[in-house]
N, C-alpha and C. Protein backbone atom coordinates (compact mmCIF):
# COMPACT_ATOMS: atom_id res chain seq x y z
N UNK A 1 -16.99 142.58 96.01
CA UNK A 1 -15.61 142.59 95.60
C UNK A 1 -14.91 141.37 96.20
N UNK A 2 -14.16 140.62 95.36
CA UNK A 2 -13.43 139.45 95.80
C UNK A 2 -12.04 139.89 96.23
N UNK A 3 -11.68 139.47 97.43
CA UNK A 3 -10.38 139.84 97.97
C UNK A 3 -9.40 138.69 97.77
N UNK A 4 -8.23 139.00 97.24
CA UNK A 4 -7.20 137.98 97.01
C UNK A 4 -6.53 137.62 98.34
N UNK A 5 -6.41 136.34 98.58
CA UNK A 5 -5.75 135.86 99.79
C UNK A 5 -4.24 135.84 99.55
N UNK A 6 -3.51 136.48 100.42
CA UNK A 6 -2.05 136.49 100.32
C UNK A 6 -1.53 135.28 101.09
N UNK A 7 -0.76 134.45 100.39
CA UNK A 7 -0.19 133.26 101.01
C UNK A 7 1.32 133.38 100.93
N UNK A 8 1.91 134.00 101.93
CA UNK A 8 3.35 134.21 101.89
C UNK A 8 4.11 133.30 102.85
N UNK A 9 3.46 132.18 103.26
CA UNK A 9 4.18 131.26 104.12
C UNK A 9 5.22 130.50 103.30
N UNK A 10 6.30 130.11 103.94
CA UNK A 10 7.43 129.50 103.25
C UNK A 10 7.04 128.23 102.51
N UNK A 11 6.17 127.41 103.08
CA UNK A 11 5.78 126.16 102.42
C UNK A 11 5.01 126.41 101.13
N UNK A 12 4.13 127.40 101.15
CA UNK A 12 3.38 127.75 99.95
C UNK A 12 4.31 128.33 98.87
N UNK A 13 5.23 129.16 99.28
CA UNK A 13 6.19 129.73 98.34
C UNK A 13 7.05 128.61 97.75
N UNK A 14 7.53 127.71 98.58
CA UNK A 14 8.34 126.58 98.11
C UNK A 14 7.58 125.79 97.04
N UNK A 15 6.36 125.42 97.33
CA UNK A 15 5.54 124.64 96.39
C UNK A 15 5.41 125.36 95.05
N UNK A 16 5.13 126.64 95.10
CA UNK A 16 4.92 127.40 93.87
C UNK A 16 6.22 127.66 93.11
N UNK A 17 7.31 127.85 93.82
CA UNK A 17 8.62 128.01 93.15
C UNK A 17 8.95 126.74 92.38
N UNK A 18 8.79 125.59 93.02
CA UNK A 18 9.11 124.32 92.36
C UNK A 18 8.22 124.12 91.14
N UNK A 19 6.94 124.40 91.27
CA UNK A 19 6.02 124.25 90.13
C UNK A 19 6.42 125.16 88.97
N UNK A 20 6.79 126.40 89.29
CA UNK A 20 7.21 127.34 88.24
C UNK A 20 8.49 126.87 87.57
N UNK A 21 9.41 126.32 88.34
CA UNK A 21 10.65 125.78 87.77
C UNK A 21 10.35 124.60 86.85
N UNK A 22 9.48 123.72 87.30
CA UNK A 22 9.12 122.56 86.49
C UNK A 22 8.48 122.96 85.16
N UNK A 23 7.65 123.98 85.19
CA UNK A 23 7.01 124.47 83.96
C UNK A 23 8.02 124.88 82.91
N UNK A 24 9.16 125.40 83.34
CA UNK A 24 10.19 125.89 82.41
C UNK A 24 11.35 124.91 82.26
N UNK A 25 11.10 123.65 82.63
CA UNK A 25 12.07 122.57 82.40
C UNK A 25 13.41 122.77 83.11
N UNK A 26 13.35 123.32 84.31
CA UNK A 26 14.57 123.44 85.12
C UNK A 26 15.12 122.05 85.41
N UNK A 27 16.41 121.96 85.58
CA UNK A 27 17.06 120.67 85.81
C UNK A 27 17.50 120.52 87.27
N UNK A 28 17.45 119.28 87.74
CA UNK A 28 17.87 118.90 89.10
C UNK A 28 17.36 119.89 90.16
N UNK A 29 16.06 119.99 90.25
CA UNK A 29 15.43 120.86 91.25
C UNK A 29 15.52 120.19 92.61
N UNK A 30 16.04 120.91 93.58
CA UNK A 30 16.09 120.42 94.95
C UNK A 30 15.68 121.54 95.91
N UNK A 31 15.25 121.14 97.09
CA UNK A 31 15.09 122.11 98.17
C UNK A 31 15.89 121.60 99.36
N UNK A 32 16.45 122.53 100.09
CA UNK A 32 17.16 122.25 101.32
C UNK A 32 16.37 122.88 102.46
N UNK A 33 15.96 122.07 103.42
CA UNK A 33 15.24 122.57 104.58
C UNK A 33 16.28 122.93 105.64
N UNK A 34 16.45 124.22 105.86
CA UNK A 34 17.45 124.71 106.79
C UNK A 34 16.87 125.05 108.16
N UNK A 35 15.59 124.75 108.37
CA UNK A 35 14.91 125.19 109.58
C UNK A 35 15.50 124.61 110.86
N UNK A 36 16.15 123.45 110.78
CA UNK A 36 16.75 122.85 111.97
C UNK A 36 18.24 123.19 112.13
N UNK A 37 18.74 123.98 111.20
CA UNK A 37 20.16 124.33 111.23
C UNK A 37 20.36 125.56 112.13
N UNK A 38 21.32 125.49 113.05
CA UNK A 38 21.57 126.67 113.87
C UNK A 38 22.11 127.82 113.00
N UNK A 39 21.65 129.00 113.27
CA UNK A 39 22.09 130.21 112.58
C UNK A 39 21.73 130.28 111.10
N UNK A 40 20.78 129.47 110.65
CA UNK A 40 20.35 129.53 109.25
C UNK A 40 19.63 130.85 109.01
N UNK A 41 19.87 131.44 107.86
CA UNK A 41 19.29 132.75 107.55
C UNK A 41 17.92 132.64 106.89
N UNK A 42 17.49 131.44 106.56
CA UNK A 42 16.23 131.23 105.87
C UNK A 42 15.71 129.84 106.20
N UNK A 43 14.47 129.55 105.83
CA UNK A 43 13.92 128.21 106.06
C UNK A 43 14.28 127.27 104.92
N UNK A 44 14.15 127.75 103.67
CA UNK A 44 14.41 126.90 102.51
C UNK A 44 15.36 127.56 101.52
N UNK A 45 16.22 126.76 100.94
CA UNK A 45 16.92 127.08 99.71
C UNK A 45 16.28 126.20 98.64
N UNK A 46 16.00 126.78 97.49
CA UNK A 46 15.53 126.00 96.35
C UNK A 46 16.56 126.24 95.25
N UNK A 47 17.06 125.15 94.67
CA UNK A 47 18.16 125.23 93.71
C UNK A 47 17.79 124.46 92.44
N UNK A 48 18.14 125.04 91.30
CA UNK A 48 18.01 124.35 90.03
C UNK A 48 19.05 124.91 89.08
N UNK A 49 19.15 124.30 87.90
CA UNK A 49 20.04 124.86 86.88
C UNK A 49 19.41 124.69 85.50
N UNK A 50 20.04 125.36 84.54
CA UNK A 50 19.61 125.30 83.15
C UNK A 50 20.87 125.36 82.28
N UNK A 51 20.78 124.87 81.04
CA UNK A 51 21.95 124.84 80.18
C UNK A 51 22.30 126.16 79.48
N UNK A 52 21.38 127.14 79.52
CA UNK A 52 21.65 128.41 78.82
C UNK A 52 21.13 129.59 79.63
N UNK A 53 21.70 130.76 79.33
CA UNK A 53 21.25 132.00 79.99
C UNK A 53 19.79 132.30 79.64
N UNK A 54 19.40 131.99 78.43
CA UNK A 54 18.01 132.23 78.01
C UNK A 54 17.05 131.42 78.90
N UNK A 55 17.40 130.17 79.15
CA UNK A 55 16.53 129.36 80.00
C UNK A 55 16.59 129.80 81.46
N UNK A 56 17.77 130.21 81.93
CA UNK A 56 17.87 130.75 83.29
C UNK A 56 16.92 131.94 83.44
N UNK A 57 16.93 132.84 82.45
CA UNK A 57 16.02 133.99 82.47
C UNK A 57 14.56 133.57 82.45
N UNK A 58 14.24 132.57 81.63
CA UNK A 58 12.85 132.10 81.53
C UNK A 58 12.38 131.51 82.85
N UNK A 59 13.24 130.74 83.51
CA UNK A 59 12.89 130.18 84.82
C UNK A 59 12.70 131.29 85.83
N UNK A 60 13.61 132.23 85.86
CA UNK A 60 13.51 133.38 86.77
C UNK A 60 12.18 134.12 86.56
N UNK A 61 11.89 134.49 85.31
CA UNK A 61 10.65 135.23 85.02
C UNK A 61 9.44 134.44 85.47
N UNK A 62 9.43 133.13 85.22
CA UNK A 62 8.27 132.32 85.58
C UNK A 62 8.11 132.19 87.09
N UNK A 63 9.22 132.04 87.82
CA UNK A 63 9.14 131.95 89.28
C UNK A 63 8.55 133.23 89.86
N UNK A 64 9.08 134.37 89.45
CA UNK A 64 8.61 135.65 89.99
C UNK A 64 7.12 135.86 89.66
N UNK A 65 6.75 135.60 88.42
CA UNK A 65 5.35 135.78 88.00
C UNK A 65 4.43 134.79 88.71
N UNK A 66 4.83 133.53 88.78
CA UNK A 66 4.00 132.48 89.37
C UNK A 66 3.78 132.72 90.86
N UNK A 67 4.85 133.03 91.58
CA UNK A 67 4.73 133.26 93.03
C UNK A 67 3.89 134.50 93.30
N UNK A 68 4.05 135.54 92.50
CA UNK A 68 3.24 136.73 92.69
C UNK A 68 1.76 136.43 92.45
N UNK A 69 1.48 135.66 91.41
CA UNK A 69 0.10 135.32 91.07
C UNK A 69 -0.52 134.38 92.11
N UNK A 70 0.21 133.36 92.53
CA UNK A 70 -0.33 132.35 93.44
C UNK A 70 -0.28 132.75 94.91
N UNK A 71 0.75 133.49 95.30
CA UNK A 71 0.94 133.82 96.71
C UNK A 71 0.70 135.30 97.02
N UNK A 72 0.65 136.12 95.97
CA UNK A 72 0.39 137.54 96.17
C UNK A 72 1.57 138.33 96.71
N UNK A 73 2.79 137.83 96.50
CA UNK A 73 3.97 138.56 96.99
C UNK A 73 5.02 138.71 95.90
N UNK A 74 5.84 139.72 96.08
CA UNK A 74 6.98 139.97 95.20
C UNK A 74 8.26 139.66 95.97
N UNK A 75 9.35 139.41 95.26
CA UNK A 75 10.62 139.14 95.97
C UNK A 75 11.04 140.33 96.83
N UNK A 76 11.63 140.01 97.96
CA UNK A 76 12.20 141.04 98.82
C UNK A 76 13.47 141.60 98.18
N UNK A 77 14.22 140.72 97.53
CA UNK A 77 15.49 141.11 96.91
C UNK A 77 15.80 140.13 95.79
N UNK A 78 16.57 140.59 94.81
CA UNK A 78 17.05 139.72 93.73
C UNK A 78 18.43 140.15 93.29
N UNK A 79 19.21 139.18 92.85
CA UNK A 79 20.58 139.46 92.39
C UNK A 79 20.89 138.59 91.18
N UNK A 80 21.80 139.05 90.34
CA UNK A 80 22.31 138.26 89.24
C UNK A 80 21.48 138.29 87.97
N UNK A 81 20.44 139.09 87.94
CA UNK A 81 19.55 139.12 86.78
C UNK A 81 20.27 139.66 85.55
N UNK A 82 21.24 140.53 85.75
CA UNK A 82 21.95 141.16 84.64
C UNK A 82 22.76 140.17 83.81
N UNK A 83 23.43 139.21 84.46
CA UNK A 83 24.28 138.30 83.68
C UNK A 83 23.73 136.89 83.56
N UNK A 84 22.70 136.55 84.31
CA UNK A 84 21.98 135.28 84.19
C UNK A 84 22.87 134.04 84.32
N UNK A 85 23.87 134.12 85.19
CA UNK A 85 24.69 132.94 85.48
C UNK A 85 24.24 132.29 86.78
N UNK A 86 23.92 133.15 87.77
CA UNK A 86 23.41 132.69 89.05
C UNK A 86 22.43 133.77 89.51
N UNK A 87 21.17 133.47 89.43
CA UNK A 87 20.15 134.42 89.87
C UNK A 87 19.63 133.97 91.24
N UNK A 88 19.62 134.90 92.17
CA UNK A 88 19.09 134.66 93.51
C UNK A 88 17.81 135.47 93.66
N UNK A 89 16.76 134.81 94.15
CA UNK A 89 15.49 135.47 94.43
C UNK A 89 15.20 135.24 95.91
N UNK A 90 15.08 136.32 96.67
CA UNK A 90 14.91 136.23 98.12
C UNK A 90 13.46 136.53 98.50
N UNK A 91 12.79 135.52 99.04
CA UNK A 91 11.44 135.68 99.59
C UNK A 91 11.48 135.59 101.12
N UNK A 92 12.56 136.00 101.72
CA UNK A 92 12.84 135.98 103.16
C UNK A 92 13.00 134.53 103.67
N UNK A 93 11.90 133.79 103.84
CA UNK A 93 11.99 132.42 104.37
C UNK A 93 12.24 131.38 103.29
N UNK A 94 12.26 131.79 102.04
CA UNK A 94 12.56 130.90 100.92
C UNK A 94 13.48 131.66 99.98
N UNK A 95 14.67 131.11 99.76
CA UNK A 95 15.64 131.75 98.88
C UNK A 95 15.87 130.82 97.69
N UNK A 96 15.71 131.38 96.49
CA UNK A 96 15.76 130.62 95.25
C UNK A 96 17.08 130.90 94.54
N UNK A 97 17.71 129.82 94.05
CA UNK A 97 18.96 129.92 93.30
C UNK A 97 18.76 129.26 91.94
N UNK A 98 18.94 130.02 90.87
CA UNK A 98 18.83 129.50 89.51
C UNK A 98 20.19 129.68 88.86
N UNK A 99 20.82 128.57 88.50
CA UNK A 99 22.19 128.59 88.01
C UNK A 99 22.29 128.18 86.54
N UNK A 100 23.34 128.64 85.89
CA UNK A 100 23.84 127.96 84.70
C UNK A 100 24.48 126.68 85.22
N UNK A 101 24.45 125.63 84.42
CA UNK A 101 24.91 124.32 84.90
C UNK A 101 26.34 124.34 85.42
N UNK A 102 27.29 124.92 84.69
CA UNK A 102 28.68 124.90 85.13
C UNK A 102 28.91 125.76 86.38
N UNK A 103 28.14 126.82 86.54
CA UNK A 103 28.26 127.66 87.74
C UNK A 103 27.74 126.90 88.96
N UNK A 104 26.65 126.16 88.79
CA UNK A 104 26.13 125.34 89.90
C UNK A 104 27.15 124.30 90.31
N UNK A 105 27.76 123.66 89.34
CA UNK A 105 28.78 122.64 89.63
C UNK A 105 29.95 123.25 90.39
N UNK A 106 30.37 124.45 90.00
CA UNK A 106 31.49 125.11 90.64
C UNK A 106 31.20 125.44 92.12
N UNK A 107 30.03 126.03 92.40
CA UNK A 107 29.71 126.47 93.77
C UNK A 107 29.12 125.37 94.63
N UNK A 108 28.44 124.44 94.06
CA UNK A 108 27.85 123.26 94.72
C UNK A 108 27.29 123.59 96.12
N UNK A 109 26.28 124.42 96.15
CA UNK A 109 25.66 124.84 97.42
C UNK A 109 25.15 123.66 98.24
N UNK A 110 24.76 122.59 97.57
CA UNK A 110 24.26 121.42 98.29
C UNK A 110 25.30 120.90 99.28
N UNK A 111 26.58 120.96 98.92
CA UNK A 111 27.62 120.49 99.83
C UNK A 111 27.87 121.45 100.98
N UNK A 112 27.69 122.74 100.73
CA UNK A 112 27.86 123.72 101.81
C UNK A 112 26.83 123.53 102.92
N UNK A 113 25.65 123.03 102.55
CA UNK A 113 24.57 122.81 103.50
C UNK A 113 24.25 121.32 103.58
N UNK A 114 25.28 120.48 103.65
CA UNK A 114 25.12 119.03 103.61
C UNK A 114 24.29 118.48 104.77
N UNK A 115 24.22 119.19 105.89
CA UNK A 115 23.44 118.72 107.04
C UNK A 115 21.95 119.01 106.91
N UNK A 116 21.57 119.80 105.94
CA UNK A 116 20.16 120.13 105.75
C UNK A 116 19.41 118.96 105.12
N UNK A 117 18.12 118.89 105.38
CA UNK A 117 17.28 117.88 104.72
C UNK A 117 17.12 118.28 103.26
N UNK A 118 17.48 117.36 102.37
CA UNK A 118 17.44 117.62 100.94
C UNK A 118 16.27 116.85 100.31
N UNK A 119 15.50 117.55 99.49
CA UNK A 119 14.40 116.91 98.76
C UNK A 119 14.60 117.18 97.28
N UNK A 120 14.50 116.11 96.47
CA UNK A 120 14.62 116.23 95.03
C UNK A 120 13.23 116.23 94.41
N UNK A 121 13.08 116.97 93.33
CA UNK A 121 11.81 117.08 92.62
C UNK A 121 12.00 116.59 91.19
N UNK A 122 10.98 115.95 90.67
CA UNK A 122 11.02 115.53 89.28
C UNK A 122 10.93 116.74 88.37
N UNK A 123 11.75 116.74 87.35
CA UNK A 123 11.63 117.76 86.32
C UNK A 123 10.59 117.27 85.33
N UNK A 124 9.71 118.16 84.91
CA UNK A 124 8.72 117.78 83.91
C UNK A 124 9.38 117.74 82.56
N UNK A 125 9.38 116.61 81.95
CA UNK A 125 10.05 116.43 80.65
C UNK A 125 9.10 116.73 79.52
C-alpha cells in the first residue's frame, strides 16, 4: 500500500496556491511574507483578483482542490464563498484572499501590510 505524504508546511502550501491561481488565470498574484512582522497571525498572505464572480469561484475551487491533492490538507476555515466578492481560505500559516477586482482595490491589503516582503508572480496568459 502506497502512503500519501502530507505536506502542510507553509512554503509548500504557498507554492501550490500560486500554481492553482495561475491555472485559473488569476490576476496580480502576490504573496506577503509576514513571518518577520511582530504579532502577525500567519506566515503568508496570498492575494489575487478576478474580473467576475464566476472566475473568483473557479479560482477558489481550484485552490482548495489543488492544495488538497498536492499537500493532503483541507482549509481550516473559509469565508465569503456565498457572495464571491472576497473569499478567504485559511490554511493556518498561509491565508489566501481571492477578490473581485473592485473589492481588492477598495481594501488594498497590500498597503495594510506594507512592511511585509512582497513577491509578485506571473499570471499564466
